Amino acid sequence: MYSSLVRLQNTFGFFTTVAFVVALLISASDFLSPRTPTVNVLKTTQLQTVKGRADYYSSKKEEYAIIKFTLDADLSSLFTWNTKQVFAYVTAEWPSAQNNNATNQAVIWDTIITAPSSDHLGNFSPSKLKRLRKSANGKGIDPSRGKLQLKNQRLKYPLTHPTGRLANTEDVQLKLHYNVQPWVGFLSWNQAQDWGKWKALKNGLSKKFTLPAIKVKEQAKKKTTRA
């Protein structure tokens, strides 16, 4: 009963319980920090539909959209002393033509915003890592990193559809999403409603727009007119 092995097991069990309780308290402390993410501007600045190969590895020609957008968002309140990094991404969404209750969704842009304490884990070049550390200035939290300011941003990923058709698609909207990854605790995504001090993302949707038709070349138009 009082052998060294039993004492070692009891000690290990005690410290495991303490570690679990401490981790639970750290995770629960996030709910005490207010979250007020806000989007000031999210709009498209250029729309174009093209038929061709969206990527170099595409095996067939299809319709794809070329979109440029402007984004001004403040996600700084998502960073606390327990935040490891925030994954932010923009999607294009529109209702499905086959099912009224379904929605097409495609990620068109994303970024990972690291906290100063996790900069060393990011895949950064030495020069960028040096700039990040300099901007943080030794602070555990750098609120300026949570401010996204993009102007005429190009798509990071091509916008296509399995049917190969995308021109004249109506009711398309851009939407900003985020995913908070803590050091200890559960992952959390942007919520649809307020949860205590955690407020829902405001103005995270752009105005609805319609993808334009594919432009016909002027020469083709002239031939059609002559005929």
Protein backbone atom coordinates (compact mmCIF):
# COMPACT_ATOMS: atom_id res chain seq x y z
CA MET A 1 0.00 0.00 0.00
CA TYR A 2 2.84 2.37 0.81
CA SER A 3 5.28 1.15 -1.80
CA SER A 4 7.27 3.61 -3.89
CA LEU A 5 5.23 2.76 -6.99
CA VAL A 6 1.91 3.52 -5.27
CA ARG A 7 3.23 6.80 -3.90
CA LEU A 8 4.50 7.75 -7.35
CA GLN A 9 1.09 6.98 -8.88
CA ASN A 10 -0.70 9.04 -6.23
CA THR A 11 1.66 11.97 -6.76
CA PHE A 12 1.24 11.80 -10.53
CA GLY A 13 -2.55 11.63 -10.17
CA PHE A 14 -2.56 14.65 -7.85
CA PHE A 15 -0.49 16.82 -10.19
CA THR A 16 -2.59 15.71 -13.18
CA THR A 17 -5.74 16.81 -11.36
CA VAL A 18 -4.18 20.15 -10.44
CA ALA A 19 -3.02 20.72 -14.03
CA PHE A 20 -6.51 19.92 -15.33
CA VAL A 21 -8.16 22.36 -12.90
CA VAL A 22 -5.67 25.12 -13.74
CA ALA A 23 -6.23 24.57 -17.48
CA LEU A 24 -10.00 24.72 -16.93
CA LEU A 25 -9.70 28.02 -15.04
CA ILE A 26 -7.47 29.49 -17.76
CA SER A 27 -9.96 28.45 -20.43
CA ALA A 28 -12.89 29.89 -18.44
CA SER A 29 -11.07 33.20 -17.97
CA ASP A 30 -11.55 33.94 -21.68
CA PHE A 31 -15.26 34.49 -21.04
CA LEU A 32 -14.37 37.41 -18.75
CA SER A 33 -12.64 39.28 -21.59
CA PRO A 34 -15.06 41.21 -23.83
CA ARG A 35 -15.05 40.51 -27.56
CA THR A 36 -16.39 43.22 -29.84
CA PRO A 37 -15.23 42.44 -33.40
CA THR A 38 -16.43 44.99 -35.94
CA VAL A 39 -16.29 45.39 -39.71
CA ASN A 40 -16.29 48.99 -40.89
CA VAL A 41 -16.07 48.32 -44.62
CA LEU A 42 -16.54 45.16 -46.68
CA LYS A 43 -17.31 45.79 -50.33
CA THR A 44 -16.31 44.72 -53.81
CA THR A 45 -14.29 47.08 -56.00
CA GLN A 46 -14.06 44.98 -59.17
CA LEU A 47 -16.17 42.18 -60.64
CA GLN A 48 -15.40 40.12 -63.72
CA THR A 49 -16.31 36.67 -65.00
CA VAL A 50 -13.84 34.86 -67.24
CA LYS A 51 -13.83 31.50 -68.99
CA GLY A 52 -10.55 29.61 -68.91
CA ARG A 53 -8.34 27.64 -66.54
CA ALA A 54 -8.65 29.08 -63.05
CA ASP A 55 -5.39 27.40 -61.95
CA TYR A 56 -2.38 25.98 -63.70
CA TYR A 57 -3.43 22.48 -62.60
CA SER A 58 -7.00 22.78 -63.93
CA SER A 59 -7.73 20.10 -66.52
CA LYS A 60 -10.58 21.93 -68.25
CA LYS A 61 -11.78 25.41 -69.02
CA GLU A 62 -14.54 26.76 -66.83
CA GLU A 63 -16.08 30.01 -65.72
CA TYR A 64 -14.42 31.68 -62.75
CA ALA A 65 -14.82 35.06 -61.08
CA ILE A 66 -12.20 37.75 -60.65
CA ILE A 67 -13.08 39.84 -57.62
CA LYS A 68 -11.29 42.64 -55.84
CA PHE A 69 -12.56 43.80 -52.46
CA THR A 70 -11.87 46.32 -49.73
CA LEU A 71 -11.93 45.26 -46.08
CA ASP A 72 -11.58 47.39 -42.96
CA ALA A 73 -12.13 45.32 -39.81
CA ASP A 74 -11.11 45.49 -36.15
CA LEU A 75 -10.51 42.08 -34.55
CA SER A 76 -8.15 43.36 -31.85
CA SER A 77 -10.59 42.50 -29.04
CA LEU A 78 -10.15 38.79 -29.88
CA PHE A 79 -6.60 38.87 -28.54
CA THR A 80 -6.04 38.12 -24.85
CA TRP A 81 -3.12 36.71 -22.90
CA ASN A 82 -4.46 33.21 -23.74
CA THR A 83 -4.76 33.80 -27.51
CA LYS A 84 -2.30 31.87 -29.64
CA GLN A 85 -3.48 33.05 -33.06
CA VAL A 86 -6.56 34.14 -35.00
CA PHE A 87 -7.46 32.67 -38.36
CA ALA A 88 -9.47 35.17 -40.44
CA TYR A 89 -10.98 34.39 -43.82
CA VAL A 90 -13.45 35.81 -46.35
CA THR A 91 -15.99 33.68 -48.18
CA ALA A 92 -18.24 34.28 -51.16
CA GLU A 93 -21.75 32.95 -50.56
CA TRP A 94 -24.84 32.66 -52.73
CA PRO A 95 -28.03 30.55 -52.68
CA SER A 96 -28.03 27.24 -54.50
CA ALA A 97 -30.10 27.03 -57.68
CA GLN A 98 -30.97 23.37 -57.02
CA ASN A 99 -31.99 23.75 -53.37
CA ASN A 100 -33.45 26.93 -51.88
CA ASN A 101 -32.36 25.90 -48.38
CA ALA A 102 -28.73 25.30 -49.40
CA THR A 103 -25.99 27.90 -49.76
CA ASN A 104 -22.87 27.80 -51.91
CA GLN A 105 -19.80 28.90 -49.98
CA ALA A 106 -16.20 29.29 -51.13
CA VAL A 107 -13.16 30.68 -49.32
CA ILE A 108 -11.54 33.38 -51.43
CA TRP A 109 -9.00 34.88 -48.99
CA ASP A 110 -7.50 34.05 -45.60
CA THR A 111 -4.74 35.02 -43.20
CA ILE A 112 -3.27 33.88 -39.87
CA ILE A 113 -2.69 36.59 -37.26
CA THR A 114 -0.30 35.40 -34.57
CA ALA A 115 0.01 36.78 -31.07
CA PRO A 116 3.50 38.03 -30.05
CA SER A 117 3.92 34.96 -27.84
CA SER A 118 3.48 32.62 -30.82
CA ASP A 119 5.46 34.45 -33.50
CA HIS A 120 8.19 31.84 -33.34
CA LEU A 121 5.68 29.16 -34.39
CA GLY A 122 4.68 30.95 -37.60
CA ASN A 123 6.19 30.27 -40.99
CA PHE A 124 7.77 33.72 -41.25
CA SER A 125 10.95 34.88 -42.88
CA PRO A 126 13.66 36.20 -40.51
CA SER A 127 13.04 39.77 -41.67
CA LYS A 128 9.27 39.57 -41.09
CA LEU A 129 9.76 37.91 -37.72
CA LYS A 130 12.07 40.75 -36.73
CA ARG A 131 9.44 43.33 -37.76
CA LEU A 132 6.74 41.54 -35.78
CA ARG A 133 8.86 41.45 -32.65
CA LYS A 134 9.75 45.09 -33.08
CA SER A 135 6.09 46.12 -33.48
CA ALA A 136 5.11 44.14 -30.36
CA ASN A 137 7.88 45.86 -28.39
CA GLY A 138 8.00 43.08 -25.81
CA LYS A 139 4.24 43.11 -25.16
CA GLY A 140 2.26 39.89 -24.76
CA ILE A 141 -0.70 41.43 -26.62
CA ASP A 142 -0.42 43.62 -29.71
CA PRO A 143 -3.93 44.96 -30.53
CA SER A 144 -2.74 46.53 -33.78
CA ARG A 145 -2.35 43.08 -35.31
CA GLY A 146 -6.08 42.50 -35.18
CA LYS A 147 -6.82 45.41 -37.49
CA LEU A 148 -7.31 44.32 -41.09
CA GLN A 149 -7.04 47.03 -43.72
CA LEU A 150 -7.15 45.72 -47.28
CA LYS A 151 -7.76 47.84 -50.36
CA ASN A 152 -8.49 46.37 -53.79
CA GLN A 153 -7.42 42.97 -52.47
CA ARG A 154 -7.20 40.21 -55.06
CA LEU A 155 -8.55 36.73 -54.45
CA LYS A 156 -6.16 34.30 -52.84
CA TYR A 157 -8.12 31.33 -54.13
CA PRO A 158 -10.08 31.21 -57.44
CA LEU A 159 -13.86 31.37 -57.23
CA THR A 160 -15.38 28.55 -59.29
CA HIS A 161 -18.36 26.20 -59.20
CA PRO A 162 -18.55 22.41 -59.75
CA THR A 163 -20.94 22.96 -62.67
CA GLY A 164 -18.36 25.15 -64.42
CA ARG A 165 -20.89 27.97 -64.70
CA LEU A 166 -20.71 31.15 -62.67
CA ALA A 167 -21.71 34.06 -64.93
CA ASN A 168 -24.86 36.00 -64.03
CA THR A 169 -24.98 34.44 -60.56
CA GLU A 170 -27.23 36.58 -58.36
CA ASP A 171 -27.37 37.43 -54.65
CA VAL A 172 -23.66 36.87 -54.02
CA GLN A 173 -22.26 38.23 -50.75
CA LEU A 174 -18.84 38.42 -49.15
CA LYS A 175 -18.63 37.39 -45.51
CA LEU A 176 -15.83 37.72 -42.95
CA HIS A 177 -15.19 34.81 -40.59
CA TYR A 178 -12.71 34.28 -37.78
CA ASN A 179 -11.47 31.40 -35.65
CA VAL A 180 -9.75 32.08 -32.31
CA GLN A 181 -7.16 29.47 -31.31
CA PRO A 182 -6.15 29.74 -27.62
CA TRP A 183 -3.11 28.31 -25.89
CA VAL A 184 -5.43 26.47 -23.51
CA GLY A 185 -9.11 25.81 -24.13
CA PHE A 186 -11.55 25.30 -26.96
CA LEU A 187 -11.54 26.81 -30.43
CA SER A 188 -14.18 29.47 -31.00
CA TRP A 189 -15.70 30.82 -34.20
CA ASN A 190 -17.65 33.98 -34.98
CA GLN A 191 -21.05 33.55 -33.38
CA ALA A 192 -24.43 34.51 -34.79
CA GLN A 193 -25.60 36.09 -31.53
CA ASP A 194 -24.19 37.67 -28.37
CA TRP A 195 -22.92 35.42 -25.57
CA GLY A 196 -22.42 37.54 -22.49
CA LYS A 197 -19.37 39.72 -23.06
CA TRP A 198 -18.74 38.06 -26.41
CA LYS A 199 -20.53 40.11 -29.04
CA ALA A 200 -21.44 38.90 -32.51
CA LEU A 201 -19.47 40.23 -35.45
CA LYS A 202 -21.05 43.45 -36.71
CA ASN A 203 -21.38 44.31 -40.41
CA GLY A 204 -19.64 41.11 -41.45
CA LEU A 205 -21.64 40.81 -44.68
CA SER A 206 -21.25 42.86 -47.84
CA LYS A 207 -24.12 44.06 -49.99
CA LYS A 208 -25.52 41.54 -52.45
CA PHE A 209 -24.18 41.70 -55.99
CA THR A 210 -24.47 39.82 -59.28
CA LEU A 211 -21.50 38.33 -61.08
CA PRO A 212 -21.35 39.83 -64.59
CA ALA A 213 -21.72 37.95 -67.84
CA ILE A 214 -18.64 36.89 -69.77
CA LYS A 215 -17.43 39.70 -72.01
CA VAL A 216 -17.58 39.03 -75.72
CA LYS A 217 -14.56 40.19 -77.70
CA GLU A 218 -15.07 43.15 -79.99
CA GLN A 219 -13.94 41.19 -83.04
CA ALA A 220 -16.56 38.55 -82.42
CA LYS A 221 -19.16 41.27 -82.12
CA LYS A 222 -18.10 42.81 -85.46
CA LYS A 223 -18.30 39.46 -87.25
CA THR A 224 -21.75 38.88 -85.85
CA THR A 225 -22.85 42.35 -86.98
CA ARG A 226 -21.50 41.84 -90.53
CA ALA A 227 -23.20 38.49 -90.84
